[in-house]
N, C-alpha and C. Protein backbone atom coordinates (compact mmCIF):
# COMPACT_ATOMS: atom_id res chain seq x y z
N MET A 1 20.21 25.86 14.62
CA MET A 1 20.18 24.98 13.46
C MET A 1 20.04 23.52 13.89
N LYS A 2 20.69 23.17 14.98
CA LYS A 2 20.66 21.79 15.43
C LYS A 2 19.24 21.37 15.84
N GLY A 3 18.53 22.26 16.52
CA GLY A 3 17.16 21.96 16.93
C GLY A 3 16.24 21.75 15.73
N THR A 4 16.43 22.55 14.71
CA THR A 4 15.63 22.41 13.49
C THR A 4 15.88 21.05 12.84
N ALA A 5 17.13 20.65 12.77
CA ALA A 5 17.46 19.35 12.17
C ALA A 5 16.85 18.20 12.97
N ILE A 6 16.88 18.31 14.28
CA ILE A 6 16.31 17.26 15.13
C ILE A 6 14.80 17.18 14.92
N LEU A 7 14.13 18.31 14.87
CA LEU A 7 12.67 18.30 14.69
C LEU A 7 12.27 17.77 13.31
N HIS A 8 13.02 18.13 12.27
CA HIS A 8 12.69 17.63 10.95
C HIS A 8 13.02 16.14 10.80
N THR A 9 14.04 15.68 11.49
CA THR A 9 14.33 14.24 11.50
C THR A 9 13.22 13.48 12.22
N ALA A 10 12.76 14.04 13.34
CA ALA A 10 11.64 13.43 14.07
C ALA A 10 10.40 13.36 13.18
N PHE A 11 10.17 14.39 12.39
CA PHE A 11 9.05 14.39 11.44
C PHE A 11 9.14 13.19 10.51
N GLY A 12 10.31 12.99 9.92
CA GLY A 12 10.48 11.87 9.00
C GLY A 12 10.27 10.53 9.66
N VAL A 13 10.81 10.37 10.86
CA VAL A 13 10.68 9.10 11.59
C VAL A 13 9.21 8.84 11.95
N LEU A 14 8.51 9.87 12.41
CA LEU A 14 7.11 9.68 12.79
C LEU A 14 6.21 9.38 11.59
N ILE A 15 6.47 10.00 10.46
CA ILE A 15 5.66 9.72 9.27
C ILE A 15 5.88 8.29 8.80
N VAL A 16 7.14 7.85 8.76
CA VAL A 16 7.42 6.47 8.37
C VAL A 16 6.80 5.50 9.36
N ALA A 17 6.89 5.81 10.65
CA ALA A 17 6.27 4.95 11.66
C ALA A 17 4.76 4.88 11.47
N GLY A 18 4.16 5.99 11.06
CA GLY A 18 2.72 5.99 10.79
C GLY A 18 2.34 5.06 9.66
N PHE A 19 3.20 4.91 8.67
CA PHE A 19 2.94 3.97 7.58
C PHE A 19 3.13 2.52 8.02
N VAL A 20 4.07 2.30 8.92
CA VAL A 20 4.40 0.94 9.35
C VAL A 20 3.36 0.39 10.33
N VAL A 21 2.82 1.23 11.18
CA VAL A 21 1.88 0.80 12.22
C VAL A 21 0.56 0.40 11.57
N SER A 22 -0.05 -0.66 12.09
CA SER A 22 -1.27 -1.16 11.47
C SER A 22 -2.53 -0.50 12.01
N GLY A 23 -2.52 0.03 13.22
CA GLY A 23 -3.71 0.65 13.79
C GLY A 23 -4.00 2.01 13.17
N GLN A 24 -5.24 2.22 12.75
CA GLN A 24 -5.60 3.45 12.06
C GLN A 24 -5.50 4.66 12.99
N LEU A 25 -6.00 4.53 14.21
CA LEU A 25 -5.96 5.65 15.15
C LEU A 25 -4.53 6.01 15.53
N LEU A 26 -3.70 5.01 15.74
CA LEU A 26 -2.29 5.25 16.07
C LEU A 26 -1.56 5.89 14.90
N SER A 27 -1.88 5.47 13.68
CA SER A 27 -1.27 6.07 12.49
C SER A 27 -1.59 7.55 12.41
N TYR A 28 -2.85 7.91 12.63
CA TYR A 28 -3.23 9.32 12.57
C TYR A 28 -2.53 10.12 13.66
N GLY A 29 -2.38 9.53 14.83
CA GLY A 29 -1.66 10.20 15.91
C GLY A 29 -0.21 10.45 15.55
N LEU A 30 0.43 9.47 14.93
CA LEU A 30 1.82 9.64 14.51
C LEU A 30 1.95 10.68 13.41
N TYR A 31 1.00 10.71 12.49
CA TYR A 31 1.01 11.73 11.45
C TYR A 31 0.87 13.12 12.07
N GLY A 32 -0.03 13.25 13.04
CA GLY A 32 -0.23 14.53 13.70
C GLY A 32 1.01 14.98 14.45
N LEU A 33 1.66 14.07 15.17
CA LEU A 33 2.89 14.41 15.87
C LEU A 33 3.99 14.79 14.88
N GLY A 34 4.05 14.10 13.76
CA GLY A 34 5.04 14.42 12.74
C GLY A 34 4.82 15.81 12.18
N ALA A 35 3.56 16.14 11.90
CA ALA A 35 3.24 17.48 11.39
C ALA A 35 3.58 18.55 12.41
N ALA A 36 3.33 18.28 13.69
CA ALA A 36 3.65 19.24 14.74
C ALA A 36 5.17 19.46 14.83
N CYS A 37 5.94 18.38 14.71
CA CYS A 37 7.40 18.51 14.73
C CYS A 37 7.90 19.31 13.53
N PHE A 38 7.31 19.08 12.37
CA PHE A 38 7.72 19.80 11.17
C PHE A 38 7.46 21.30 11.32
N LEU A 39 6.27 21.64 11.78
CA LEU A 39 5.92 23.05 11.96
C LEU A 39 6.78 23.70 13.05
N ALA A 40 7.06 22.96 14.11
CA ALA A 40 7.92 23.50 15.17
C ALA A 40 9.33 23.76 14.63
N GLY A 41 9.81 22.89 13.75
CA GLY A 41 11.12 23.09 13.14
C GLY A 41 11.17 24.34 12.28
N ILE A 42 10.10 24.58 11.54
CA ILE A 42 10.03 25.79 10.71
C ILE A 42 10.00 27.03 11.60
N LEU A 43 9.17 27.00 12.64
CA LEU A 43 9.07 28.16 13.53
C LEU A 43 10.40 28.42 14.24
N LEU A 44 11.08 27.38 14.64
CA LEU A 44 12.37 27.54 15.30
C LEU A 44 13.40 28.14 14.35
N ALA A 45 13.40 27.70 13.11
CA ALA A 45 14.34 28.23 12.12
C ALA A 45 14.06 29.70 11.84
N ARG A 46 12.80 30.07 11.74
CA ARG A 46 12.46 31.48 11.49
C ARG A 46 12.81 32.35 12.68
N ARG A 47 12.60 31.83 13.88
CA ARG A 47 12.94 32.61 15.07
C ARG A 47 14.44 32.84 15.15
N ASP A 48 15.23 31.83 14.82
CA ASP A 48 16.68 31.97 14.83
C ASP A 48 17.15 32.96 13.77
N ASP A 49 16.52 32.94 12.60
CA ASP A 49 16.90 33.85 11.51
C ASP A 49 16.54 35.29 11.84
N ASP A 50 15.38 35.53 12.43
CA ASP A 50 14.95 36.90 12.73
C ASP A 50 15.85 37.54 13.77
N GLY A 51 16.27 36.84 14.77
CA GLY A 51 17.10 37.40 15.83
C GLY A 51 18.48 37.76 15.36
N SER A 52 19.09 36.96 14.51
CA SER A 52 20.45 37.22 14.08
C SER A 52 20.53 38.38 13.08
N ASP A 53 19.53 38.54 12.22
CA ASP A 53 19.52 39.63 11.25
C ASP A 53 19.36 40.98 11.94
N ALA A 54 18.51 41.07 12.94
CA ALA A 54 18.29 42.32 13.64
C ALA A 54 19.54 42.74 14.42
N ALA A 55 20.25 41.79 14.99
CA ALA A 55 21.44 42.11 15.76
C ALA A 55 22.59 42.56 14.83
N ASP A 56 22.67 42.00 13.65
CA ASP A 56 23.75 42.36 12.72
C ASP A 56 23.53 43.75 12.12
N SER A 57 22.31 44.18 11.91
CA SER A 57 22.06 45.44 11.25
C SER A 57 22.17 46.64 12.21
N ALA A 58 22.17 46.40 13.51
CA ALA A 58 22.22 47.52 14.48
C ALA A 58 23.59 48.04 14.70
C-alpha cells in the first residue's frame, strides 16, 4: 500500500510540475512520467491484491 501511495503522489507532483514549467517539451516529459507513475501504482496495487486473496483462500 505504501508503494502505491508514493507512486500516486509522484503522479500528482509531476502533473503539477508540468503545468508550472514553461518549456513545452519538458512539460510533455513530466506528463509522461506522471502517467507512468500512475499506471505503475495501479499495477502495484493489483499485484498486491491478487497475491493476498489467493493465499487466504487456500
